[in-house]
Amino acid sequence: MFNNIGVSGLILILAIALIVFGPSKLPQLGRAFGDTLREFRNSTRNIMDDGDRDHLIENEGKKPPL
C-alpha cells in the first residue's frame, strides 16, 4: 500500500499533518493510530485463530486427504 511513497512524499505528508493538526495534537493522533492498528491486528489474529480451531474440530478424526 505504501510501497510507492518515497522519503519526500513522507516528509510532505508529515508537514501537511503538522500544519493541519498542530504540534500539540500529533503525538495524540499517532498514539490513537497505533492503538487502532494494534486492536485491528489483534482482532484479525483472533479471527484467524478461531477459523483454524473450527477447521481442526471439523476435521478431527478424519484422515487427511492424500
N, C-alpha and C. Protein backbone atom coordinates (compact mmCIF):
# COMPACT_ATOMS: atom_id res chain seq x y z
N MET A 1 0.82 -1.18 0.00
CA MET A 1 0.00 0.00 0.00
C MET A 1 0.87 1.26 0.00
N PHE A 2 1.88 1.27 0.84
CA PHE A 2 2.75 2.44 0.94
C PHE A 2 4.07 2.24 0.22
N ASN A 3 4.12 1.29 -0.69
CA ASN A 3 5.35 0.99 -1.39
C ASN A 3 5.80 2.13 -2.30
N ASN A 4 4.87 2.92 -2.80
CA ASN A 4 5.20 3.96 -3.75
C ASN A 4 5.53 5.30 -3.09
N ILE A 5 5.40 5.41 -1.78
CA ILE A 5 5.70 6.66 -1.10
C ILE A 5 7.19 6.68 -0.78
N GLY A 6 7.86 7.69 -1.28
CA GLY A 6 9.28 7.84 -1.00
C GLY A 6 9.49 8.72 0.22
N VAL A 7 10.74 9.04 0.46
CA VAL A 7 11.08 9.88 1.60
C VAL A 7 10.47 11.27 1.44
N SER A 8 10.55 11.82 0.24
CA SER A 8 9.99 13.16 0.02
C SER A 8 8.48 13.16 0.20
N GLY A 9 7.80 12.11 -0.21
CA GLY A 9 6.35 12.01 -0.02
C GLY A 9 5.98 11.91 1.44
N LEU A 10 6.77 11.15 2.19
CA LEU A 10 6.54 11.01 3.62
C LEU A 10 6.75 12.34 4.34
N ILE A 11 7.79 13.06 3.98
CA ILE A 11 8.04 14.38 4.58
C ILE A 11 6.90 15.33 4.25
N LEU A 12 6.40 15.29 3.04
CA LEU A 12 5.28 16.15 2.64
C LEU A 12 4.03 15.82 3.45
N ILE A 13 3.73 14.55 3.63
CA ILE A 13 2.57 14.14 4.42
C ILE A 13 2.71 14.60 5.86
N LEU A 14 3.89 14.44 6.44
CA LEU A 14 4.11 14.88 7.82
C LEU A 14 4.00 16.39 7.96
N ALA A 15 4.50 17.13 6.97
CA ALA A 15 4.41 18.59 7.01
C ALA A 15 2.96 19.04 6.93
N ILE A 16 2.17 18.41 6.08
CA ILE A 16 0.75 18.76 5.98
C ILE A 16 0.03 18.42 7.28
N ALA A 17 0.33 17.27 7.86
CA ALA A 17 -0.28 16.89 9.13
C ALA A 17 0.10 17.88 10.23
N LEU A 18 1.34 18.34 10.22
CA LEU A 18 1.78 19.31 11.22
C LEU A 18 1.03 20.63 11.06
N ILE A 19 0.82 21.05 9.82
CA ILE A 19 0.10 22.31 9.56
C ILE A 19 -1.38 22.17 9.95
N VAL A 20 -1.99 21.05 9.59
CA VAL A 20 -3.42 20.87 9.83
C VAL A 20 -3.72 20.66 11.31
N PHE A 21 -2.98 19.79 11.98
CA PHE A 21 -3.30 19.42 13.35
C PHE A 21 -2.50 20.17 14.40
N GLY A 22 -1.35 20.68 14.06
CA GLY A 22 -0.53 21.39 15.02
C GLY A 22 0.37 20.45 15.79
N PRO A 23 1.44 21.00 16.36
CA PRO A 23 2.42 20.15 17.04
C PRO A 23 1.91 19.51 18.33
N SER A 24 0.91 20.09 18.96
CA SER A 24 0.44 19.52 20.23
C SER A 24 -0.47 18.31 20.01
N LYS A 25 -1.13 18.23 18.86
CA LYS A 25 -2.05 17.13 18.58
C LYS A 25 -1.39 15.92 17.93
N LEU A 26 -0.25 16.11 17.27
CA LEU A 26 0.36 15.00 16.54
C LEU A 26 0.71 13.79 17.42
N PRO A 27 1.28 13.97 18.61
CA PRO A 27 1.55 12.78 19.43
C PRO A 27 0.28 12.02 19.82
N GLN A 28 -0.80 12.77 20.11
CA GLN A 28 -2.06 12.11 20.45
C GLN A 28 -2.62 11.35 19.25
N LEU A 29 -2.53 11.95 18.07
CA LEU A 29 -3.02 11.27 16.87
C LEU A 29 -2.20 10.02 16.55
N GLY A 30 -0.89 10.12 16.71
CA GLY A 30 -0.03 8.96 16.49
C GLY A 30 -0.33 7.84 17.45
N ARG A 31 -0.55 8.19 18.71
CA ARG A 31 -0.87 7.19 19.72
C ARG A 31 -2.21 6.53 19.41
N ALA A 32 -3.21 7.33 19.04
CA ALA A 32 -4.53 6.78 18.71
C ALA A 32 -4.44 5.88 17.48
N PHE A 33 -3.66 6.29 16.47
CA PHE A 33 -3.50 5.46 15.27
C PHE A 33 -2.81 4.14 15.62
N GLY A 34 -1.79 4.20 16.47
CA GLY A 34 -1.11 2.98 16.88
C GLY A 34 -2.01 2.04 17.66
N ASP A 35 -2.82 2.61 18.56
CA ASP A 35 -3.76 1.78 19.32
C ASP A 35 -4.79 1.12 18.40
N THR A 36 -5.28 1.89 17.43
CA THR A 36 -6.26 1.36 16.49
C THR A 36 -5.65 0.24 15.65
N LEU A 37 -4.44 0.44 15.18
CA LEU A 37 -3.76 -0.57 14.39
C LEU A 37 -3.50 -1.84 15.21
N ARG A 38 -3.10 -1.67 16.45
CA ARG A 38 -2.85 -2.82 17.34
C ARG A 38 -4.14 -3.59 17.57
N GLU A 39 -5.25 -2.88 17.83
CA GLU A 39 -6.54 -3.53 18.04
C GLU A 39 -6.98 -4.29 16.79
N PHE A 40 -6.78 -3.69 15.62
CA PHE A 40 -7.14 -4.35 14.36
C PHE A 40 -6.34 -5.62 14.17
N ARG A 41 -5.04 -5.55 14.42
CA ARG A 41 -4.19 -6.73 14.27
C ARG A 41 -4.60 -7.84 15.23
N ASN A 42 -4.88 -7.47 16.49
CA ASN A 42 -5.30 -8.48 17.46
C ASN A 42 -6.63 -9.11 17.07
N SER A 43 -7.54 -8.31 16.57
CA SER A 43 -8.84 -8.84 16.15
C SER A 43 -8.69 -9.80 14.98
N THR A 44 -7.91 -9.41 13.98
CA THR A 44 -7.73 -10.30 12.83
C THR A 44 -7.00 -11.58 13.24
N ARG A 45 -6.07 -11.47 14.15
CA ARG A 45 -5.36 -12.66 14.63
C ARG A 45 -6.34 -13.59 15.34
N ASN A 46 -7.23 -13.03 16.18
CA ASN A 46 -8.22 -13.85 16.88
C ASN A 46 -9.18 -14.51 15.90
N ILE A 47 -9.59 -13.79 14.87
CA ILE A 47 -10.49 -14.37 13.87
C ILE A 47 -9.80 -15.52 13.16
N MET A 48 -8.54 -15.35 12.80
CA MET A 48 -7.80 -16.41 12.12
C MET A 48 -7.63 -17.62 13.04
N ASP A 49 -7.35 -17.38 14.32
CA ASP A 49 -7.20 -18.48 15.27
C ASP A 49 -8.51 -19.24 15.44
N ASP A 50 -9.63 -18.51 15.49
CA ASP A 50 -10.94 -19.16 15.61
C ASP A 50 -11.23 -20.01 14.37
N GLY A 51 -10.89 -19.50 13.20
CA GLY A 51 -11.09 -20.26 11.97
C GLY A 51 -10.25 -21.51 11.94
N ASP A 52 -9.00 -21.41 12.39
CA ASP A 52 -8.12 -22.59 12.44
C ASP A 52 -8.66 -23.61 13.44
N ARG A 53 -9.14 -23.13 14.58
CA ARG A 53 -9.68 -24.02 15.60
C ARG A 53 -10.92 -24.73 15.07
N ASP A 54 -11.81 -23.99 14.39
CA ASP A 54 -13.01 -24.60 13.82
C ASP A 54 -12.64 -25.65 12.78
N HIS A 55 -11.64 -25.36 11.97
CA HIS A 55 -11.20 -26.30 10.94
C HIS A 55 -10.67 -27.58 11.59
N LEU A 56 -9.91 -27.44 12.67
CA LEU A 56 -9.38 -28.63 13.35
C LEU A 56 -10.50 -29.45 13.97
N ILE A 57 -11.49 -28.78 14.55
CA ILE A 57 -12.60 -29.50 15.17
C ILE A 57 -13.41 -30.24 14.11
N GLU A 58 -13.67 -29.61 12.97
CA GLU A 58 -14.43 -30.25 11.90
C GLU A 58 -13.72 -31.48 11.35
N ASN A 59 -12.40 -31.41 11.26
CA ASN A 59 -11.63 -32.49 10.64
C ASN A 59 -11.05 -33.47 11.66
N GLU A 60 -11.47 -33.36 12.91
CA GLU A 60 -10.94 -34.25 13.94
C GLU A 60 -11.43 -35.67 13.69
N GLY A 61 -10.51 -36.59 13.69
CA GLY A 61 -10.84 -37.99 13.48
C GLY A 61 -10.91 -38.39 12.02
N LYS A 62 -10.80 -37.45 11.11
CA LYS A 62 -10.82 -37.76 9.69
C LYS A 62 -9.38 -37.90 9.19
N LYS A 63 -9.22 -38.75 8.19
CA LYS A 63 -7.88 -38.87 7.60
C LYS A 63 -7.63 -37.68 6.70
N PRO A 64 -6.42 -37.16 6.70
CA PRO A 64 -6.11 -36.04 5.80
C PRO A 64 -6.13 -36.51 4.36
N PRO A 65 -6.55 -35.63 3.44
CA PRO A 65 -6.56 -36.02 2.03
C PRO A 65 -5.14 -36.25 1.51
N LEU A 66 -5.03 -37.19 0.60
CA LEU A 66 -3.70 -37.50 0.05
C LEU A 66 -3.37 -36.63 -1.09
